[in-house]
Amino acid sequence: MYFFINLSIGIAIGAGAILPGISSGVLCVIFGIYEKLLDSILNFFHNVKSNFKFLFPILIGVSFGVILFGNLLNYFLYQFPIQTKCIFIGLILGSIPMLLKEINKKQVYKPYYCFFFLLALAIGIGCIFLEKYLTIQSIENITFSYLVLCGFFMSVRYCCARC
């Protein structure tokens, strides 16, 4: 029974891996497997059999999720771009109460978190409006500083998702 539950969770995580703006880590927190997943990966060789039983269905599910939802998502993003992006924004905003609940289990809520949330929300909304003015660069034009800047923003996003 746990195999099929973890397989289903893996499929959702795999679908989340290809969705723009939705982190697989956030989905792991929502499903309540984040800590166990990290422990299983980091301590894989301490208890190989138990960790393999936990990780195997999740990895299979992630593979199926990416394969099954990749083309479907591509279709919806090209045919219905506004509606699809609005669904993603709703999914992200809908996951915030779950993340806050998870945070409050481990530490006391700090009011200045609201400032960072509102700042991130304003930047996200601003990026949506600026998206139509941006052009996609070719691979030849990407510089090292551009990649460092992208990595910085991804790490900020990751840190905000963990807070």
N, C-alpha and C. Protein backbone atom coordinates (compact mmCIF):
# COMPACT_ATOMS: atom_id res chain seq x y z
N MET A 1 0.82 -1.20 0.00
CA MET A 1 0.00 0.00 0.00
C MET A 1 0.86 1.26 0.00
N TYR A 2 1.94 1.27 0.81
CA TYR A 2 2.83 2.43 0.84
C TYR A 2 3.50 2.65 -0.51
N PHE A 3 3.70 1.57 -1.25
CA PHE A 3 4.32 1.69 -2.57
C PHE A 3 3.46 2.56 -3.47
N PHE A 4 2.15 2.32 -3.51
CA PHE A 4 1.27 3.08 -4.39
C PHE A 4 1.08 4.52 -3.90
N ILE A 5 1.08 4.72 -2.59
CA ILE A 5 0.99 6.08 -2.06
C ILE A 5 2.23 6.87 -2.44
N ASN A 6 3.40 6.27 -2.23
CA ASN A 6 4.65 6.96 -2.59
C ASN A 6 4.78 7.13 -4.10
N LEU A 7 4.26 6.19 -4.87
CA LEU A 7 4.26 6.32 -6.32
C LEU A 7 3.41 7.52 -6.75
N SER A 8 2.24 7.66 -6.15
CA SER A 8 1.36 8.81 -6.45
C SER A 8 2.00 10.12 -6.05
N ILE A 9 2.64 10.14 -4.89
CA ILE A 9 3.35 11.34 -4.46
C ILE A 9 4.48 11.65 -5.43
N GLY A 10 5.19 10.63 -5.88
CA GLY A 10 6.27 10.82 -6.84
C GLY A 10 5.77 11.39 -8.16
N ILE A 11 4.61 10.93 -8.62
CA ILE A 11 4.04 11.46 -9.86
C ILE A 11 3.72 12.95 -9.69
N ALA A 12 3.16 13.32 -8.55
CA ALA A 12 2.86 14.74 -8.29
C ALA A 12 4.14 15.56 -8.21
N ILE A 13 5.17 15.01 -7.60
CA ILE A 13 6.45 15.72 -7.50
C ILE A 13 7.08 15.85 -8.88
N GLY A 14 7.00 14.82 -9.70
CA GLY A 14 7.53 14.88 -11.06
C GLY A 14 6.80 15.91 -11.90
N ALA A 15 5.48 15.97 -11.74
CA ALA A 15 4.71 17.00 -12.46
C ALA A 15 5.10 18.38 -11.95
N GLY A 16 5.34 18.49 -10.66
CA GLY A 16 5.76 19.77 -10.08
C GLY A 16 7.14 20.20 -10.53
N ALA A 17 7.97 19.23 -10.88
CA ALA A 17 9.32 19.55 -11.33
C ALA A 17 9.31 20.28 -12.67
N ILE A 18 8.29 20.06 -13.49
CA ILE A 18 8.25 20.71 -14.79
C ILE A 18 7.35 21.93 -14.80
N LEU A 19 6.63 22.15 -13.72
CA LEU A 19 5.74 23.31 -13.67
C LEU A 19 6.54 24.56 -13.35
N PRO A 20 6.33 25.63 -14.09
CA PRO A 20 7.06 26.87 -13.79
C PRO A 20 6.57 27.49 -12.48
N GLY A 21 7.50 27.74 -11.60
CA GLY A 21 7.18 28.41 -10.34
C GLY A 21 6.79 27.50 -9.21
N ILE A 22 6.64 26.23 -9.47
CA ILE A 22 6.27 25.30 -8.40
C ILE A 22 7.46 24.40 -8.15
N SER A 23 7.94 24.42 -6.95
CA SER A 23 9.13 23.65 -6.60
C SER A 23 8.74 22.26 -6.14
N SER A 24 9.53 21.29 -6.52
CA SER A 24 9.31 19.93 -6.04
C SER A 24 9.52 19.86 -4.53
N GLY A 25 10.43 20.67 -4.03
CA GLY A 25 10.65 20.72 -2.58
C GLY A 25 9.42 21.18 -1.83
N VAL A 26 8.72 22.16 -2.39
CA VAL A 26 7.48 22.63 -1.76
C VAL A 26 6.44 21.52 -1.76
N LEU A 27 6.36 20.78 -2.85
CA LEU A 27 5.42 19.65 -2.90
C LEU A 27 5.79 18.58 -1.88
N CYS A 28 7.08 18.36 -1.69
CA CYS A 28 7.51 17.39 -0.67
C CYS A 28 7.07 17.85 0.72
N VAL A 29 7.18 19.15 0.99
CA VAL A 29 6.72 19.67 2.28
C VAL A 29 5.22 19.51 2.42
N ILE A 30 4.48 19.81 1.35
CA ILE A 30 3.02 19.69 1.40
C ILE A 30 2.61 18.25 1.67
N PHE A 31 3.29 17.30 1.03
CA PHE A 31 2.95 15.89 1.24
C PHE A 31 3.54 15.33 2.54
N GLY A 32 4.37 16.10 3.22
CA GLY A 32 4.92 15.68 4.50
C GLY A 32 6.06 14.68 4.41
N ILE A 33 6.75 14.64 3.28
CA ILE A 33 7.84 13.67 3.13
C ILE A 33 9.21 14.34 2.99
N TYR A 34 9.28 15.65 3.11
CA TYR A 34 10.52 16.38 2.86
C TYR A 34 11.66 15.89 3.76
N GLU A 35 11.42 15.86 5.05
CA GLU A 35 12.47 15.47 6.00
C GLU A 35 12.87 14.00 5.79
N LYS A 36 11.89 13.14 5.63
CA LYS A 36 12.20 11.72 5.43
C LYS A 36 12.94 11.50 4.12
N LEU A 37 12.57 12.25 3.09
CA LEU A 37 13.25 12.15 1.81
C LEU A 37 14.71 12.57 1.92
N LEU A 38 14.95 13.68 2.58
CA LEU A 38 16.33 14.12 2.77
C LEU A 38 17.13 13.13 3.61
N ASP A 39 16.53 12.64 4.68
CA ASP A 39 17.22 11.65 5.52
C ASP A 39 17.53 10.38 4.74
N SER A 40 16.59 9.95 3.91
CA SER A 40 16.81 8.73 3.12
C SER A 40 17.92 8.91 2.09
N ILE A 41 17.99 10.08 1.51
CA ILE A 41 19.03 10.32 0.51
C ILE A 41 20.39 10.49 1.18
N LEU A 42 20.44 11.29 2.24
CA LEU A 42 21.72 11.56 2.89
C LEU A 42 22.28 10.36 3.63
N ASN A 43 21.42 9.53 4.18
CA ASN A 43 21.85 8.35 4.94
C ASN A 43 21.50 7.06 4.20
N PHE A 44 21.59 7.10 2.88
CA PHE A 44 21.17 5.97 2.08
C PHE A 44 21.92 4.69 2.46
N PHE A 45 23.22 4.78 2.68
CA PHE A 45 24.02 3.58 2.91
C PHE A 45 23.97 3.11 4.37
N HIS A 46 23.35 3.85 5.25
CA HIS A 46 23.21 3.39 6.63
C HIS A 46 22.13 2.32 6.77
N ASN A 47 21.07 2.46 5.99
CA ASN A 47 19.99 1.48 5.99
C ASN A 47 19.47 1.36 4.56
N VAL A 48 20.22 0.65 3.74
CA VAL A 48 19.97 0.61 2.31
C VAL A 48 18.59 0.04 1.99
N LYS A 49 18.21 -1.04 2.63
CA LYS A 49 16.94 -1.70 2.30
C LYS A 49 15.74 -0.79 2.61
N SER A 50 15.72 -0.20 3.77
CA SER A 50 14.61 0.68 4.16
C SER A 50 14.57 1.93 3.28
N ASN A 51 15.72 2.53 3.05
CA ASN A 51 15.77 3.74 2.23
C ASN A 51 15.40 3.44 0.78
N PHE A 52 15.81 2.29 0.28
CA PHE A 52 15.46 1.92 -1.09
C PHE A 52 13.96 1.70 -1.22
N LYS A 53 13.34 1.05 -0.22
CA LYS A 53 11.89 0.82 -0.24
C LYS A 53 11.12 2.13 -0.25
N PHE A 54 11.68 3.15 0.40
CA PHE A 54 11.02 4.45 0.43
C PHE A 54 11.29 5.24 -0.85
N LEU A 55 12.53 5.24 -1.33
CA LEU A 55 12.91 6.08 -2.46
C LEU A 55 12.50 5.52 -3.82
N PHE A 56 12.50 4.21 -3.96
CA PHE A 56 12.24 3.60 -5.28
C PHE A 56 10.89 4.01 -5.87
N PRO A 57 9.77 3.88 -5.14
CA PRO A 57 8.49 4.29 -5.75
C PRO A 57 8.43 5.79 -6.03
N ILE A 58 9.10 6.58 -5.21
CA ILE A 58 9.10 8.02 -5.45
C ILE A 58 9.86 8.34 -6.73
N LEU A 59 11.01 7.71 -6.93
CA LEU A 59 11.79 7.94 -8.15
C LEU A 59 11.05 7.46 -9.39
N ILE A 60 10.39 6.32 -9.30
CA ILE A 60 9.58 5.83 -10.43
C ILE A 60 8.45 6.82 -10.71
N GLY A 61 7.78 7.29 -9.66
CA GLY A 61 6.69 8.26 -9.82
C GLY A 61 7.16 9.57 -10.41
N VAL A 62 8.33 10.05 -9.99
CA VAL A 62 8.86 11.29 -10.55
C VAL A 62 9.10 11.11 -12.05
N SER A 63 9.65 9.99 -12.43
CA SER A 63 9.89 9.72 -13.86
C SER A 63 8.58 9.71 -14.64
N PHE A 64 7.58 9.00 -14.12
CA PHE A 64 6.28 8.97 -14.78
C PHE A 64 5.65 10.36 -14.84
N GLY A 65 5.76 11.13 -13.76
CA GLY A 65 5.18 12.47 -13.72
C GLY A 65 5.77 13.39 -14.76
N VAL A 66 7.09 13.34 -14.93
CA VAL A 66 7.74 14.18 -15.94
C VAL A 66 7.31 13.74 -17.34
N ILE A 67 7.29 12.44 -17.58
CA ILE A 67 6.93 11.94 -18.91
C ILE A 67 5.46 12.19 -19.22
N LEU A 68 4.58 11.91 -18.27
CA LEU A 68 3.14 12.05 -18.52
C LEU A 68 2.69 13.50 -18.68
N PHE A 69 3.23 14.38 -17.85
CA PHE A 69 2.72 15.75 -17.83
C PHE A 69 3.54 16.72 -18.66
N GLY A 70 4.68 16.31 -19.18
CA GLY A 70 5.51 17.21 -19.98
C GLY A 70 4.82 17.73 -21.21
N ASN A 71 4.30 16.85 -22.04
CA ASN A 71 3.61 17.27 -23.27
C ASN A 71 2.28 17.95 -22.98
N LEU A 72 1.59 17.48 -21.97
CA LEU A 72 0.31 18.09 -21.61
C LEU A 72 0.51 19.54 -21.16
N LEU A 73 1.53 19.76 -20.35
CA LEU A 73 1.82 21.11 -19.89
C LEU A 73 2.25 22.00 -21.05
N ASN A 74 3.05 21.47 -21.93
CA ASN A 74 3.49 22.22 -23.11
C ASN A 74 2.29 22.65 -23.95
N TYR A 75 1.35 21.75 -24.14
CA TYR A 75 0.14 22.07 -24.90
C TYR A 75 -0.63 23.22 -24.24
N PHE A 76 -0.87 23.12 -22.93
CA PHE A 76 -1.64 24.14 -22.24
C PHE A 76 -0.92 25.49 -22.19
N LEU A 77 0.39 25.48 -22.06
CA LEU A 77 1.13 26.75 -22.03
C LEU A 77 1.08 27.46 -23.37
N TYR A 78 1.02 26.73 -24.47
CA TYR A 78 0.96 27.37 -25.79
C TYR A 78 -0.47 27.70 -26.20
N GLN A 79 -1.44 26.88 -25.84
CA GLN A 79 -2.82 27.11 -26.25
C GLN A 79 -3.56 28.08 -25.32
N PHE A 80 -3.29 28.00 -24.03
CA PHE A 80 -3.99 28.82 -23.03
C PHE A 80 -2.97 29.42 -22.06
N PRO A 81 -2.11 30.34 -22.51
CA PRO A 81 -1.01 30.80 -21.66
C PRO A 81 -1.46 31.56 -20.41
N ILE A 82 -2.43 32.45 -20.53
CA ILE A 82 -2.86 33.25 -19.38
C ILE A 82 -3.53 32.37 -18.34
N GLN A 83 -4.45 31.52 -18.78
CA GLN A 83 -5.17 30.66 -17.85
C GLN A 83 -4.22 29.69 -17.14
N THR A 84 -3.28 29.15 -17.88
CA THR A 84 -2.33 28.20 -17.29
C THR A 84 -1.46 28.89 -16.26
N LYS A 85 -0.97 30.08 -16.57
CA LYS A 85 -0.15 30.82 -15.61
C LYS A 85 -0.94 31.20 -14.37
N CYS A 86 -2.22 31.54 -14.56
CA CYS A 86 -3.07 31.87 -13.40
C CYS A 86 -3.28 30.64 -12.51
N ILE A 87 -3.39 29.49 -13.11
CA ILE A 87 -3.52 28.26 -12.31
C ILE A 87 -2.26 28.04 -11.49
N PHE A 88 -1.08 28.28 -12.09
CA PHE A 88 0.16 28.10 -11.36
C PHE A 88 0.27 29.10 -10.21
N ILE A 89 -0.13 30.34 -10.46
CA ILE A 89 -0.10 31.34 -9.40
C ILE A 89 -1.03 30.92 -8.28
N GLY A 90 -2.20 30.40 -8.63
CA GLY A 90 -3.13 29.92 -7.61
C GLY A 90 -2.57 28.75 -6.81
N LEU A 91 -1.88 27.84 -7.49
CA LEU A 91 -1.27 26.72 -6.79
C LEU A 91 -0.18 27.19 -5.83
N ILE A 92 0.59 28.16 -6.26
CA ILE A 92 1.65 28.69 -5.40
C ILE A 92 1.04 29.39 -4.20
N LEU A 93 0.07 30.27 -4.45
CA LEU A 93 -0.57 30.99 -3.34
C LEU A 93 -1.33 30.03 -2.43
N GLY A 94 -1.91 28.99 -3.00
CA GLY A 94 -2.64 28.01 -2.20
C GLY A 94 -1.73 27.18 -1.30
N SER A 95 -0.46 27.08 -1.66
CA SER A 95 0.46 26.29 -0.83
C SER A 95 1.03 27.09 0.33
N ILE A 96 0.83 28.40 0.34
CA ILE A 96 1.40 29.25 1.39
C ILE A 96 0.86 28.89 2.77
N PRO A 97 -0.46 28.70 2.97
CA PRO A 97 -0.91 28.33 4.32
C PRO A 97 -0.30 27.02 4.82
N MET A 98 -0.12 26.05 3.94
CA MET A 98 0.49 24.79 4.34
C MET A 98 1.94 25.00 4.76
N LEU A 99 2.65 25.83 4.02
CA LEU A 99 4.04 26.12 4.37
C LEU A 99 4.13 26.88 5.69
N LEU A 100 3.23 27.83 5.90
CA LEU A 100 3.22 28.56 7.17
C LEU A 100 2.92 27.64 8.34
N LYS A 101 2.02 26.70 8.13
CA LYS A 101 1.70 25.73 9.18
C LYS A 101 2.92 24.88 9.51
N GLU A 102 3.65 24.48 8.48
CA GLU A 102 4.86 23.68 8.67
C GLU A 102 5.95 24.49 9.38
N ILE A 103 6.06 25.77 9.03
CA ILE A 103 7.05 26.63 9.66
C ILE A 103 6.72 26.82 11.13
N ASN A 104 5.45 27.04 11.43
CA ASN A 104 5.05 27.30 12.81
C ASN A 104 5.25 26.10 13.73
N LYS A 105 5.36 24.90 13.15
CA LYS A 105 5.66 23.73 13.97
C LYS A 105 7.08 23.80 14.52
N LYS A 106 7.97 24.41 13.76
CA LYS A 106 9.39 24.39 14.12
C LYS A 106 9.86 25.67 14.78
N GLN A 107 9.26 26.79 14.46
CA GLN A 107 9.68 28.05 15.05
C GLN A 107 8.50 29.00 15.11
N VAL A 108 8.66 30.03 15.91
CA VAL A 108 7.60 31.00 16.09
C VAL A 108 7.57 31.94 14.89
N TYR A 109 6.38 32.27 14.46
CA TYR A 109 6.20 33.17 13.32
C TYR A 109 6.73 34.55 13.66
N LYS A 110 7.48 35.13 12.74
CA LYS A 110 8.02 36.46 12.93
C LYS A 110 7.29 37.42 11.98
N PRO A 111 6.85 38.58 12.48
CA PRO A 111 6.08 39.51 11.62
C PRO A 111 6.84 40.00 10.39
N TYR A 112 8.17 40.09 10.46
CA TYR A 112 8.90 40.60 9.30
C TYR A 112 8.88 39.62 8.13
N TYR A 113 8.40 38.39 8.35
CA TYR A 113 8.23 37.47 7.23
C TYR A 113 7.22 38.02 6.23
N CYS A 114 6.23 38.76 6.73
CA CYS A 114 5.23 39.35 5.83
C CYS A 114 5.87 40.31 4.84
N PHE A 115 6.86 41.07 5.32
CA PHE A 115 7.56 42.00 4.43
C PHE A 115 8.21 41.24 3.27
N PHE A 116 8.93 40.16 3.58
CA PHE A 116 9.60 39.39 2.54
C PHE A 116 8.59 38.74 1.60
N PHE A 117 7.49 38.28 2.16
CA PHE A 117 6.45 37.69 1.32
C PHE A 117 5.88 38.73 0.35
N LEU A 118 5.54 39.90 0.87
CA LEU A 118 4.98 40.95 0.01
C LEU A 118 5.99 41.43 -1.02
N LEU A 119 7.26 41.51 -0.63
CA LEU A 119 8.31 41.90 -1.58
C LEU A 119 8.42 40.86 -2.70
N ALA A 120 8.44 39.59 -2.33
CA ALA A 120 8.53 38.52 -3.34
C ALA A 120 7.29 38.52 -4.22
N LEU A 121 6.12 38.75 -3.65
CA LEU A 121 4.89 38.82 -4.42
C LEU A 121 4.92 39.98 -5.41
N ALA A 122 5.39 41.14 -4.96
CA ALA A 122 5.48 42.30 -5.85
C ALA A 122 6.47 42.05 -6.99
N ILE A 123 7.60 41.43 -6.67
CA ILE A 123 8.57 41.12 -7.72
C ILE A 123 7.99 40.12 -8.71
N GLY A 124 7.28 39.12 -8.21
CA GLY A 124 6.66 38.12 -9.09
C GLY A 124 5.62 38.73 -10.00
N ILE A 125 4.77 39.58 -9.45
CA ILE A 125 3.74 40.23 -10.27
C ILE A 125 4.40 41.17 -11.28
N GLY A 126 5.44 41.86 -10.85
CA GLY A 126 6.18 42.73 -11.77
C GLY A 126 6.80 41.94 -12.91
N CYS A 127 7.33 40.78 -12.61
CA CYS A 127 7.93 39.94 -13.66
C CYS A 127 6.88 39.46 -14.65
N ILE A 128 5.68 39.19 -14.17
CA ILE A 128 4.61 38.78 -15.08
C ILE A 128 4.28 39.88 -16.07
N PHE A 129 4.21 41.13 -15.58
CA PHE A 129 3.91 42.25 -16.46
C PHE A 129 5.08 42.57 -17.40
N LEU A 130 6.30 42.38 -16.94
CA LEU A 130 7.47 42.67 -17.77
C LEU A 130 7.79 41.56 -18.76
N GLU A 131 7.16 40.41 -18.61
CA GLU A 131 7.48 39.25 -19.43
C GLU A 131 7.30 39.52 -20.93
N LYS A 132 6.29 40.29 -21.29
CA LYS A 132 6.04 40.52 -22.70
C LYS A 132 7.08 41.44 -23.34
N TYR A 133 7.85 42.16 -22.53
CA TYR A 133 8.88 43.05 -23.06
C TYR A 133 10.26 42.39 -23.16
N LEU A 134 10.39 41.21 -22.58
CA LEU A 134 11.68 40.53 -22.59
C LEU A 134 11.83 39.68 -23.84
N THR A 135 13.04 39.58 -24.32
CA THR A 135 13.32 38.71 -25.45
C THR A 135 14.16 37.55 -24.97
N ILE A 136 14.00 36.42 -25.60
CA ILE A 136 14.77 35.24 -25.25
C ILE A 136 16.12 35.31 -25.95
N GLN A 137 17.17 35.17 -25.16
CA GLN A 137 18.51 35.21 -25.73
C GLN A 137 18.89 33.84 -26.25
N SER A 138 19.78 33.83 -27.21
CA SER A 138 20.30 32.56 -27.67
C SER A 138 21.39 32.09 -26.72
N ILE A 139 21.75 30.84 -26.82
CA ILE A 139 22.76 30.25 -25.93
C ILE A 139 24.10 30.97 -26.07
N GLU A 140 24.44 31.48 -27.24
CA GLU A 140 25.74 32.13 -27.45
C GLU A 140 25.86 33.42 -26.67
N ASN A 141 24.75 34.09 -26.37
CA ASN A 141 24.79 35.39 -25.71
C ASN A 141 24.81 35.30 -24.19
N ILE A 142 24.68 34.14 -23.63
CA ILE A 142 24.62 34.00 -22.17
C ILE A 142 26.04 34.08 -21.61
N THR A 143 26.22 34.98 -20.64
CA THR A 143 27.53 35.17 -20.03
C THR A 143 27.57 34.50 -18.66
N PHE A 144 28.78 34.43 -18.13
CA PHE A 144 28.97 33.85 -16.80
C PHE A 144 28.25 34.66 -15.73
N SER A 145 28.30 35.98 -15.83
CA SER A 145 27.64 36.84 -14.84
C SER A 145 26.12 36.65 -14.90
N TYR A 146 25.57 36.42 -16.08
CA TYR A 146 24.14 36.16 -16.21
C TYR A 146 23.76 34.87 -15.48
N LEU A 147 24.58 33.83 -15.64
CA LEU A 147 24.32 32.56 -14.97
C LEU A 147 24.43 32.70 -13.46
N VAL A 148 25.41 33.49 -12.99
CA VAL A 148 25.55 33.72 -11.55
C VAL A 148 24.33 34.46 -11.02
N LEU A 149 23.86 35.45 -11.76
CA LEU A 149 22.67 36.19 -11.35
C LEU A 149 21.44 35.28 -11.30
N CYS A 150 21.29 34.42 -12.30
CA CYS A 150 20.18 33.47 -12.30
C CYS A 150 20.27 32.52 -11.10
N GLY A 151 21.47 32.05 -10.81
CA GLY A 151 21.67 31.18 -9.64
C GLY A 151 21.33 31.89 -8.35
N PHE A 152 21.69 33.16 -8.27
CA PHE A 152 21.36 33.95 -7.08
C PHE A 152 19.85 34.04 -6.89
N PHE A 153 19.12 34.36 -7.97
CA PHE A 153 17.67 34.48 -7.85
C PHE A 153 17.02 33.13 -7.53
N MET A 154 17.55 32.06 -8.06
CA MET A 154 17.00 30.74 -7.74
C MET A 154 17.25 30.40 -6.27
N SER A 155 18.40 30.77 -5.74
CA SER A 155 18.67 30.49 -4.33
C SER A 155 17.80 31.35 -3.43
N VAL A 156 17.54 32.59 -3.84
CA VAL A 156 16.63 33.45 -3.07
C VAL A 156 15.24 32.84 -3.07
N ARG A 157 14.80 32.35 -4.22
CA ARG A 157 13.50 31.71 -4.32
C ARG A 157 13.44 30.47 -3.44
N TYR A 158 14.52 29.70 -3.44
CA TYR A 158 14.56 28.49 -2.62
C TYR A 158 14.52 28.85 -1.13
N CYS A 159 15.28 29.87 -0.75
CA CYS A 159 15.28 30.29 0.66
C CYS A 159 13.92 30.82 1.08
N CYS A 160 13.27 31.56 0.19
CA CYS A 160 11.93 32.07 0.52
C CYS A 160 10.93 30.93 0.64
N ALA A 161 11.08 29.90 -0.16
CA ALA A 161 10.17 28.76 -0.08
C ALA A 161 10.38 27.99 1.21
N ARG A 162 11.59 27.99 1.75
CA ARG A 162 11.87 27.28 2.99
C ARG A 162 11.42 28.08 4.20
N CYS A 163 11.31 29.42 4.08
CA CYS A 163 10.93 30.27 5.23
C CYS A 163 9.47 30.20 5.53
